[in-house]
Structures are given as C-alpha cells and as structure tokens.
Amino acid sequence: MLMDRYFEGMKGVLETVEKTQKETLLAAAGEIAARLARGGAWHIMDTGHMLMFEGVGRTGGMMALKPIRITCEIQNPVRYRPAPARGIVGYDSIPGFADYVLGRANILPDDVIMIGSVSGYNYFPVDLALKANEMGCATVAITSVEYSRHLTSKHPSGKRLFEACTFCLDNCTNYGDTLVEVEELGQAICPASGISACYLMWALQSTVVEKLLEMGLKPSVYISNHMPNASALNGEALERYEQFGY
C-alpha cells in the first residue's frame, strides 16, 4: 500500500534527522539560550507552510519564540478594465525588503532569527539571513540541504540559506521533497519537509528549555487552555516572559 510506503519513508527521514542533526541542535540551542538570558529575542520567519503555526503559541511551547508575519494588501475599488499581463513580483524577490523587515520587526543585534525555507534558494530568506548576520544576530536555517544543493541561488552572493545562516538544521528531505513513487502517476507524492521541520523545531525548543534550566533560569512555557487553572498559569508565565524575555 502507498500508505505503508509513506510510513516507512517518513520514519527513515526522521531517523536520519536524529542521527545527523543532534550536534547542530545542541549548538544552536546553546546560542539561543545564551542570547535569551542576556536580553535578546527569538524570532521565526517561515517562507514555507507551517512552522510559524506549529511552533508558536502551542501548548508545551516557549513563549519566547515570536513570529515575523508579513502581509501585503492592496485595495482599489476601481471598475474592472482589461489590463496587459504583468509579471507577479513577490516580496521574496524585492531588493532591500529584508532591511525593511528587520527594521519594522524591531530586530536588535543580540537577537536570534530562525528562517524556514525548504528550497532555500530564493532572494529574500538568504538576504534576511545575511543582513541579520551583519547586525550581530544569530541565524538558524531550517531547510533541505540536498534539495538546495540542486538549485542555483537567486541571491547575488550566490549563497543558499544553508550557506548563509549561523546554524543549519537540515530537514533531511530529498530533491523534490517527496517520499512515495507512484508509477501510475509518473511522479512521487507525500512531502516529508513539514513533519521533519516540526520534529527539528520541537527538538530545538526542548533543548533551549534544558539549557536555560541548566543556567538556573525558568523559561515561560504555554500550557493547554483546557488544563485546570490554565488562564492563571499562562498569565503568570506571560508576565515572566515580558519581564525577562524567556
């Protein structure tokens, strides 16, 4: 069954993550904890599908991790008129946009920015990492190194995200990010990157919690709103976060 092939493939990816990423997880977590302890902030900017929803504001998750959300809405109630076709330009290809984001998001030199991009070759995530590095931030990529190695960077530096960040967490998915070959379709299905990135995300958060506790600091962590006294406990934790930043 295709389902069984998916289960087998996904388990293989997660086993590879466990075998290859622990050293980087430990190093990145140590840097994040040290920066949080001295007043830095921890941000996440995901150009993919789920990390800013999975890793932020969840029960058992750290209050210190905050998302950089980018929205762009253009409204004009003009009547419909035929118009020539125009190329659609996304923010990930606008020179200088990373500088604007860093300013508007109130990023400071001792902060940490985690940047998620499976392919890791578009202009914006690479530029964001490089500009943040220049400021003195630490940058953490969550990307697919194998996938990215097959692609040519769109950034003038020639770097891809795994080459631009201080730390690179490899989600260990393949080129094309699919697990199950379906001969009848002539292609593969079922991406691995979302689940493996989440696996890395929670492994990293657990290790940051561990590092802070080793420093004698109590990190602020959400509990489920459905647990007894959750509102009061989350309120107390939020007050600690607002005071100390972790």
C-alpha atoms as a PDB file:
ATOM      1  CA  MET A   1       0.000   0.000   0.000  1.00  0.00           C
ATOM      2  CA  LEU A   2       1.119   3.552  -0.682  1.00  0.00           C
ATOM      3  CA  MET A   3       0.318   4.373   2.933  1.00  0.00           C
ATOM      4  CA  ASP A   4       2.817   1.807   4.179  1.00  0.00           C
ATOM      5  CA  ARG A   5       5.472   3.098   1.817  1.00  0.00           C
ATOM      6  CA  TYR A   6       4.839   6.591   3.153  1.00  0.00           C
ATOM      7  CA  PHE A   7       5.110   5.443   6.775  1.00  0.00           C
ATOM      8  CA  GLU A   8       8.388   3.679   6.009  1.00  0.00           C
ATOM      9  CA  GLY A   9       9.806   6.658   4.117  1.00  0.00           C
ATOM     10  CA  MET A  10       8.806   9.192   6.766  1.00  0.00           C
ATOM     11  CA  LYS A  11      10.315   7.104   9.544  1.00  0.00           C
ATOM     12  CA  GLY A  12      13.532   6.937   7.533  1.00  0.00           C
ATOM     13  CA  VAL A  13      13.683  10.729   7.247  1.00  0.00           C
ATOM     14  CA  LEU A  14      13.115  11.193  10.976  1.00  0.00           C
ATOM     15  CA  GLU A  15      15.768   8.603  11.804  1.00  0.00           C
ATOM     16  CA  THR A  16      18.211  10.494   9.592  1.00  0.00           C
ATOM     17  CA  VAL A  17      17.331  13.732  11.388  1.00  0.00           C
ATOM     18  CA  GLU A  18      18.062  12.083  14.732  1.00  0.00           C
ATOM     19  CA  LYS A  19      21.368  10.640  13.550  1.00  0.00           C
ATOM     20  CA  THR A  20      22.703  13.767  11.822  1.00  0.00           C
ATOM     21  CA  GLN A  21      21.266  16.876  13.486  1.00  0.00           C
ATOM     22  CA  LYS A  22      21.858  16.470  17.222  1.00  0.00           C
ATOM     23  CA  GLU A  23      25.188  18.300  17.237  1.00  0.00           C
ATOM     24  CA  THR A  24      23.727  21.312  15.440  1.00  0.00           C
ATOM     25  CA  LEU A  25      20.623  21.271  17.644  1.00  0.00           C
ATOM     26  CA  LEU A  26      22.807  21.397  20.748  1.00  0.00           C
ATOM     27  CA  ALA A  27      24.956  24.209  19.383  1.00  0.00           C
ATOM     28  CA  ALA A  28      22.009  26.297  18.186  1.00  0.00           C
ATOM     29  CA  ALA A  29      20.093  25.768  21.433  1.00  0.00           C
ATOM     30  CA  GLY A  30      23.100  26.848  23.479  1.00  0.00           C
ATOM     31  CA  GLU A  31      23.417  30.051  21.458  1.00  0.00           C
ATOM     32  CA  ILE A  32      19.683  30.789  21.686  1.00  0.00           C
ATOM     33  CA  ALA A  33      19.600  30.226  25.445  1.00  0.00           C
ATOM     34  CA  ALA A  34      22.643  32.441  25.995  1.00  0.00           C
ATOM     35  CA  ARG A  35      21.128  35.267  23.953  1.00  0.00           C
ATOM     36  CA  LEU A  36      17.739  34.989  25.658  1.00  0.00           C
ATOM     37  CA  ALA A  37      19.461  35.074  29.052  1.00  0.00           C
ATOM     38  CA  ARG A  38      21.123  38.375  28.243  1.00  0.00           C
ATOM     39  CA  GLY A  39      18.018  40.040  26.842  1.00  0.00           C
ATOM     40  CA  GLY A  40      17.926  39.002  23.203  1.00  0.00           C
ATOM     41  CA  ALA A  41      14.730  37.906  21.458  1.00  0.00           C
ATOM     42  CA  TRP A  42      13.962  34.799  19.407  1.00  0.00           C
ATOM     43  CA  HIS A  43      12.080  35.213  16.120  1.00  0.00           C
ATOM     44  CA  ILE A  44      10.895  32.891  13.375  1.00  0.00           C
ATOM     45  CA  MET A  45      10.293  33.775   9.724  1.00  0.00           C
ATOM     46  CA  ASP A  46       8.960  30.859   7.700  1.00  0.00           C
ATOM     47  CA  THR A  47       8.514  31.117   3.936  1.00  0.00           C
ATOM     48  CA  GLY A  48       7.050  27.610   3.870  1.00  0.00           C
ATOM     49  CA  HIS A  49       3.825  26.085   5.089  1.00  0.00           C
ATOM     50  CA  MET A  50       3.572  25.508   8.809  1.00  0.00           C
ATOM     51  CA  LEU A  51       6.399  26.346  11.215  1.00  0.00           C
ATOM     52  CA  MET A  52       5.014  29.719  12.280  1.00  0.00           C
ATOM     53  CA  PHE A  53       1.754  27.981  13.204  1.00  0.00           C
ATOM     54  CA  GLU A  54       3.160  24.729  14.584  1.00  0.00           C
ATOM     55  CA  GLY A  55       5.953  26.220  16.670  1.00  0.00           C
ATOM     56  CA  VAL A  56       4.319  29.372  18.059  1.00  0.00           C
ATOM     57  CA  GLY A  57       1.708  29.665  20.797  1.00  0.00           C
ATOM     58  CA  ARG A  58       1.260  25.921  21.232  1.00  0.00           C
ATOM     59  CA  THR A  59       0.858  24.025  24.467  1.00  0.00           C
ATOM     60  CA  GLY A  60       4.290  22.943  25.656  1.00  0.00           C
ATOM     61  CA  GLY A  61       5.942  25.631  23.533  1.00  0.00           C
ATOM     62  CA  MET A  62       8.115  28.531  24.637  1.00  0.00           C
ATOM     63  CA  MET A  63       6.621  31.993  24.879  1.00  0.00           C
ATOM     64  CA  ALA A  64       9.962  33.420  23.778  1.00  0.00           C
ATOM     65  CA  LEU A  65       9.538  32.279  20.160  1.00  0.00           C
ATOM     66  CA  LYS A  66       7.745  35.022  18.219  1.00  0.00           C
ATOM     67  CA  PRO A  67       6.696  35.013  14.543  1.00  0.00           C
ATOM     68  CA  ILE A  68       7.563  37.671  11.979  1.00  0.00           C
ATOM     69  CA  ARG A  69       4.387  37.827   9.896  1.00  0.00           C
ATOM     70  CA  ILE A  70       4.403  39.667   6.581  1.00  0.00           C
ATOM     71  CA  THR A  71       1.169  40.774   4.961  1.00  0.00           C
ATOM     72  CA  CYS A  72       0.579  42.903   1.893  1.00  0.00           C
ATOM     73  CA  GLU A  73      -2.892  44.007   0.868  1.00  0.00           C
ATOM     74  CA  ILE A  74      -3.701  46.358  -1.966  1.00  0.00           C
ATOM     75  CA  GLN A  75      -7.223  47.740  -2.316  1.00  0.00           C
ATOM     76  CA  ASN A  76      -8.655  49.923  -5.027  1.00  0.00           C
ATOM     77  CA  PRO A  77     -12.398  49.968  -5.862  1.00  0.00           C
ATOM     78  CA  VAL A  78     -11.848  50.979  -9.486  1.00  0.00           C
ATOM     79  CA  ARG A  79     -14.184  49.404 -12.021  1.00  0.00           C
ATOM     80  CA  TYR A  80     -12.911  46.401 -13.946  1.00  0.00           C
ATOM     81  CA  ARG A  81     -10.919  47.224 -17.050  1.00  0.00           C
ATOM     82  CA  PRO A  82      -8.855  44.839 -19.167  1.00  0.00           C
ATOM     83  CA  ALA A  83      -5.173  45.289 -18.458  1.00  0.00           C
ATOM     84  CA  PRO A  84      -1.996  43.948 -20.021  1.00  0.00           C
ATOM     85  CA  ALA A  85      -0.487  40.918 -18.322  1.00  0.00           C
ATOM     86  CA  ARG A  86       2.088  41.783 -15.699  1.00  0.00           C
ATOM     87  CA  GLY A  87       4.644  39.605 -14.026  1.00  0.00           C
ATOM     88  CA  ILE A  88       3.744  38.956 -10.404  1.00  0.00           C
ATOM     89  CA  VAL A  89       6.558  40.096  -8.135  1.00  0.00           C
ATOM     90  CA  GLY A  90       6.617  38.600  -4.651  1.00  0.00           C
ATOM     91  CA  TYR A  91       8.368  40.091  -1.649  1.00  0.00           C
ATOM     92  CA  ASP A  92      10.942  37.297  -1.851  1.00  0.00           C
ATOM     93  CA  SER A  93      12.482  38.959  -4.895  1.00  0.00           C
ATOM     94  CA  ILE A  94      12.482  42.650  -3.907  1.00  0.00           C
ATOM     95  CA  PRO A  95      15.969  44.036  -3.199  1.00  0.00           C
ATOM     96  CA  GLY A  96      16.109  45.837   0.129  1.00  0.00           C
ATOM     97  CA  PHE A  97      12.960  44.252   1.514  1.00  0.00           C
ATOM     98  CA  ALA A  98      14.917  42.338   4.156  1.00  0.00           C
ATOM     99  CA  ASP A  99      16.207  45.647   5.565  1.00  0.00           C
ATOM    100  CA  TYR A 100      12.628  46.891   5.815  1.00  0.00           C
ATOM    101  CA  VAL A 101      11.504  43.708   7.597  1.00  0.00           C
ATOM    102  CA  LEU A 102      14.375  43.824  10.077  1.00  0.00           C
ATOM    103  CA  GLY A 103      13.512  47.426  10.921  1.00  0.00           C
ATOM    104  CA  ARG A 104       9.748  47.006  11.167  1.00  0.00           C
ATOM    105  CA  ALA A 105      10.089  43.794  13.206  1.00  0.00           C
ATOM    106  CA  ASN A 106      12.300  45.603  15.735  1.00  0.00           C
ATOM    107  CA  ILE A 107      15.168  43.140  15.372  1.00  0.00           C
ATOM    108  CA  LEU A 108      18.133  44.011  17.590  1.00  0.00           C
ATOM    109  CA  PRO A 109      21.766  42.886  17.308  1.00  0.00           C
ATOM    110  CA  ASP A 110      21.681  40.196  20.020  1.00  0.00           C
ATOM    111  CA  ASP A 111      18.536  38.503  18.691  1.00  0.00           C
ATOM    112  CA  VAL A 112      18.082  35.115  17.032  1.00  0.00           C
ATOM    113  CA  ILE A 113      16.157  34.644  13.793  1.00  0.00           C
ATOM    114  CA  MET A 114      15.081  31.196  12.685  1.00  0.00           C
ATOM    115  CA  ILE A 115      14.381  31.105   8.938  1.00  0.00           C
ATOM    116  CA  GLY A 116      12.438  28.275   7.313  1.00  0.00           C
ATOM    117  CA  SER A 117      12.663  27.535   3.582  1.00  0.00           C
ATOM    118  CA  VAL A 118      12.734  24.032   2.129  1.00  0.00           C
ATOM    119  CA  SER A 119      14.439  25.000  -1.130  1.00  0.00           C
ATOM    120  CA  GLY A 120      16.476  27.795   0.451  1.00  0.00           C
ATOM    121  CA  TYR A 121      17.483  29.476  -2.785  1.00  0.00           C
ATOM    122  CA  ASN A 122      15.146  32.471  -3.128  1.00  0.00           C
ATOM    123  CA  TYR A 123      16.401  36.011  -2.674  1.00  0.00           C
ATOM    124  CA  PHE A 124      14.527  37.085   0.454  1.00  0.00           C
ATOM    125  CA  PRO A 125      15.364  34.363   3.012  1.00  0.00           C
ATOM    126  CA  VAL A 126      19.038  34.462   2.030  1.00  0.00           C
ATOM    127  CA  ASP A 127      19.139  38.265   2.148  1.00  0.00           C
ATOM    128  CA  LEU A 128      17.351  38.265   5.508  1.00  0.00           C
ATOM    129  CA  ALA A 129      19.935  35.872   6.940  1.00  0.00           C
ATOM    130  CA  LEU A 130      22.908  37.802   5.605  1.00  0.00           C
ATOM    131  CA  LYS A 131      21.580  41.176   6.778  1.00  0.00           C
ATOM    132  CA  ALA A 132      20.736  39.772  10.211  1.00  0.00           C
ATOM    133  CA  ASN A 133      24.240  38.306  10.486  1.00  0.00           C
ATOM    134  CA  GLU A 134      25.711  41.714   9.674  1.00  0.00           C
ATOM    135  CA  MET A 135      23.701  43.194  12.552  1.00  0.00           C
ATOM    136  CA  GLY A 136      25.129  40.676  15.010  1.00  0.00           C
ATOM    137  CA  CYS A 137      22.119  38.372  15.162  1.00  0.00           C
ATOM    138  CA  ALA A 138      22.403  34.603  15.177  1.00  0.00           C
ATOM    139  CA  THR A 139      20.532  32.923  12.324  1.00  0.00           C
ATOM    140  CA  VAL A 140      19.166  29.386  12.240  1.00  0.00           C
ATOM    141  CA  ALA A 141      18.093  27.795   8.951  1.00  0.00           C
ATOM    142  CA  ILE A 142      15.545  25.013   8.724  1.00  0.00           C
ATOM    143  CA  THR A 143      15.957  23.795   5.176  1.00  0.00           C
ATOM    144  CA  SER A 144      16.715  20.822   2.962  1.00  0.00           C
ATOM    145  CA  VAL A 145      20.406  20.789   2.138  1.00  0.00           C
ATOM    146  CA  GLU A 146      20.066  18.081  -0.524  1.00  0.00           C
ATOM    147  CA  TYR A 147      17.220  19.910  -2.247  1.00  0.00           C
ATOM    148  CA  SER A 148      19.014  23.245  -2.066  1.00  0.00           C
ATOM    149  CA  ARG A 149      22.271  21.865  -3.462  1.00  0.00           C
ATOM    150  CA  HIS A 150      20.425  21.097  -6.723  1.00  0.00           C
ATOM    151  CA  LEU A 151      19.322  24.732  -7.098  1.00  0.00           C
ATOM    152  CA  THR A 152      21.110  27.925  -8.087  1.00  0.00           C
ATOM    153  CA  SER A 153      20.766  30.770  -5.622  1.00  0.00           C
ATOM    154  CA  LYS A 154      18.749  33.812  -6.710  1.00  0.00           C
ATOM    155  CA  HIS A 155      20.797  35.984  -4.371  1.00  0.00           C
ATOM    156  CA  PRO A 156      23.758  37.982  -5.770  1.00  0.00           C
ATOM    157  CA  SER A 157      26.031  36.405  -3.175  1.00  0.00           C
ATOM    158  CA  GLY A 158      25.425  33.008  -4.741  1.00  0.00           C
ATOM    159  CA  LYS A 159      24.618  31.613  -1.295  1.00  0.00           C
ATOM    160  CA  ARG A 160      21.702  29.419  -0.392  1.00  0.00           C
ATOM    161  CA  LEU A 161      20.074  29.516   3.019  1.00  0.00           C
ATOM    162  CA  PHE A 162      22.131  26.653   4.453  1.00  0.00           C
ATOM    163  CA  GLU A 163      25.251  28.605   3.497  1.00  0.00           C
ATOM    164  CA  ALA A 164      24.003  31.968   4.756  1.00  0.00           C
ATOM    165  CA  CYS A 165      22.980  31.114   8.341  1.00  0.00           C
ATOM    166  CA  THR A 166      24.990  30.717  11.514  1.00  0.00           C
ATOM    167  CA  PHE A 167      23.420  27.311  12.091  1.00  0.00           C
ATOM    168  CA  CYS A 168      21.729  24.982   9.605  1.00  0.00           C
ATOM    169  CA  LEU A 169      19.148  22.426  10.695  1.00  0.00           C
ATOM    170  CA  ASP A 170      18.698  20.037   7.785  1.00  0.00           C
ATOM    171  CA  ASN A 171      15.210  18.545   7.490  1.00  0.00           C
ATOM    172  CA  CYS A 172      16.858  15.699   5.525  1.00  0.00           C
ATOM    173  CA  THR A 173      14.261  15.550   2.768  1.00  0.00           C
ATOM    174  CA  ASN A 174      15.257  14.821  -0.813  1.00  0.00           C
ATOM    175  CA  TYR A 175      15.394  16.820  -4.032  1.00  0.00           C
ATOM    176  CA  GLY A 176      11.750  17.400  -4.890  1.00  0.00           C
ATOM    177  CA  ASP A 177      10.642  16.737  -1.296  1.00  0.00           C
ATOM    178  CA  THR A 178       8.509  13.651  -1.971  1.00  0.00           C
ATOM    179  CA  LEU A 179       8.647  10.187  -0.445  1.00  0.00           C
ATOM    180  CA  VAL A 180       6.452   7.776  -2.396  1.00  0.00           C
ATOM    181  CA  GLU A 181       6.976   6.945  -6.064  1.00  0.00           C
ATOM    182  CA  VAL A 182       3.686   6.228  -7.837  1.00  0.00           C
ATOM    183  CA  GLU A 183       4.377   4.554 -11.137  1.00  0.00           C
ATOM    184  CA  GLU A 184       0.826   5.062 -12.399  1.00  0.00           C
ATOM    185  CA  LEU A 185       1.183   8.829 -11.958  1.00  0.00           C
ATOM    186  CA  GLY A 186       4.726   9.015 -13.217  1.00  0.00           C
ATOM    187  CA  GLN A 187       5.729  11.041 -10.180  1.00  0.00           C
ATOM    188  CA  ALA A 188       6.237  10.887  -6.428  1.00  0.00           C
ATOM    189  CA  ILE A 189       3.831  12.066  -3.731  1.00  0.00           C
ATOM    190  CA  CYS A 190       3.830  12.929   0.004  1.00  0.00           C
ATOM    191  CA  PRO A 191       6.322  15.614   1.116  1.00  0.00           C
ATOM    192  CA  ALA A 192       8.494  14.986   4.144  1.00  0.00           C
ATOM    193  CA  SER A 193       9.694  18.504   4.908  1.00  0.00           C
ATOM    194  CA  GLY A 194       6.767  19.666   7.032  1.00  0.00           C
ATOM    195  CA  ILE A 195       6.876  16.839   9.539  1.00  0.00           C
ATOM    196  CA  SER A 196      10.671  16.725   9.697  1.00  0.00           C
ATOM    197  CA  ALA A 197      10.871  20.509  10.187  1.00  0.00           C
ATOM    198  CA  CYS A 198       8.395  20.268  13.064  1.00  0.00           C
ATOM    199  CA  TYR A 199      10.474  17.437  14.506  1.00  0.00           C
ATOM    200  CA  LEU A 200      13.504  19.726  14.451  1.00  0.00           C
ATOM    201  CA  MET A 201      11.509  22.655  15.846  1.00  0.00           C
ATOM    202  CA  TRP A 202      10.387  20.804  18.962  1.00  0.00           C
ATOM    203  CA  ALA A 203      13.760  19.142  19.449  1.00  0.00           C
ATOM    204  CA  LEU A 204      15.292  22.626  19.402  1.00  0.00           C
ATOM    205  CA  GLN A 205      12.739  24.099  21.801  1.00  0.00           C
ATOM    206  CA  SER A 206      13.179  21.236  24.253  1.00  0.00           C
ATOM    207  CA  THR A 207      16.934  21.743  24.202  1.00  0.00           C
ATOM    208  CA  VAL A 208      16.645  25.517  24.706  1.00  0.00           C
ATOM    209  CA  VAL A 209      14.439  24.816  27.743  1.00  0.00           C
ATOM    210  CA  GLU A 210      17.087  22.399  29.021  1.00  0.00           C
ATOM    211  CA  LYS A 211      19.904  24.907  28.503  1.00  0.00           C
ATOM    212  CA  LEU A 212      18.017  27.673  30.321  1.00  0.00           C
ATOM    213  CA  LEU A 213      17.269  25.384  33.252  1.00  0.00           C
ATOM    214  CA  GLU A 214      20.970  24.472  33.436  1.00  0.00           C
ATOM    215  CA  MET A 215      21.644  28.214  33.776  1.00  0.00           C
ATOM    216  CA  GLY A 216      19.227  28.403  36.699  1.00  0.00           C
ATOM    217  CA  LEU A 217      16.568  30.202  34.652  1.00  0.00           C
ATOM    218  CA  LYS A 218      12.902  29.230  34.365  1.00  0.00           C
ATOM    219  CA  PRO A 219      11.614  29.526  30.781  1.00  0.00           C
ATOM    220  CA  SER A 220       7.993  30.565  30.213  1.00  0.00           C
ATOM    221  CA  VAL A 221       6.031  27.764  28.542  1.00  0.00           C
ATOM    222  CA  TYR A 222       2.400  27.587  27.452  1.00  0.00           C
ATOM    223  CA  ILE A 223       0.046  25.002  28.891  1.00  0.00           C
ATOM    224  CA  SER A 224      -3.172  23.978  27.175  1.00  0.00           C
ATOM    225  CA  ASN A 225      -6.106  26.304  27.769  1.00  0.00           C
ATOM    226  CA  HIS A 226      -8.147  23.213  28.615  1.00  0.00           C
ATOM    227  CA  MET A 227      -5.996  22.296  31.624  1.00  0.00           C
ATOM    228  CA  PRO A 228      -7.034  23.233  35.189  1.00  0.00           C
ATOM    229  CA  ASN A 229      -6.183  26.843  36.117  1.00  0.00           C
ATOM    230  CA  ALA A 230      -4.650  27.346  32.663  1.00  0.00           C
ATOM    231  CA  SER A 231      -5.587  31.002  32.345  1.00  0.00           C
ATOM    232  CA  ALA A 232      -3.871  31.981  35.577  1.00  0.00           C
ATOM    233  CA  LEU A 233      -0.795  29.839  34.924  1.00  0.00           C
ATOM    234  CA  ASN A 234      -0.361  31.139  31.371  1.00  0.00           C
ATOM    235  CA  GLY A 235      -0.855  34.665  32.666  1.00  0.00           C
ATOM    236  CA  GLU A 236       1.912  34.229  35.232  1.00  0.00           C
ATOM    237  CA  ALA A 237       4.217  32.734  32.602  1.00  0.00           C
ATOM    238  CA  LEU A 238       3.482  35.604  30.228  1.00  0.00           C
ATOM    239  CA  GLU A 239       4.378  38.104  32.939  1.00  0.00           C
ATOM    240  CA  ARG A 240       7.708  36.330  33.439  1.00  0.00           C
ATOM    241  CA  TYR A 241       8.341  36.405  29.701  1.00  0.00           C
ATOM    242  CA  GLU A 242       7.542  40.120  29.488  1.00  0.00           C
ATOM    243  CA  GLN A 243       9.934  40.807  32.348  1.00  0.00           C
ATOM    244  CA  PHE A 244      12.830  38.540  31.428  1.00  0.00           C
ATOM    245  CA  GLY A 245      12.386  37.642  27.745  1.00  0.00           C
ATOM    246  CA  TYR A 246      12.499  33.857  28.154  1.00  0.00           C
END
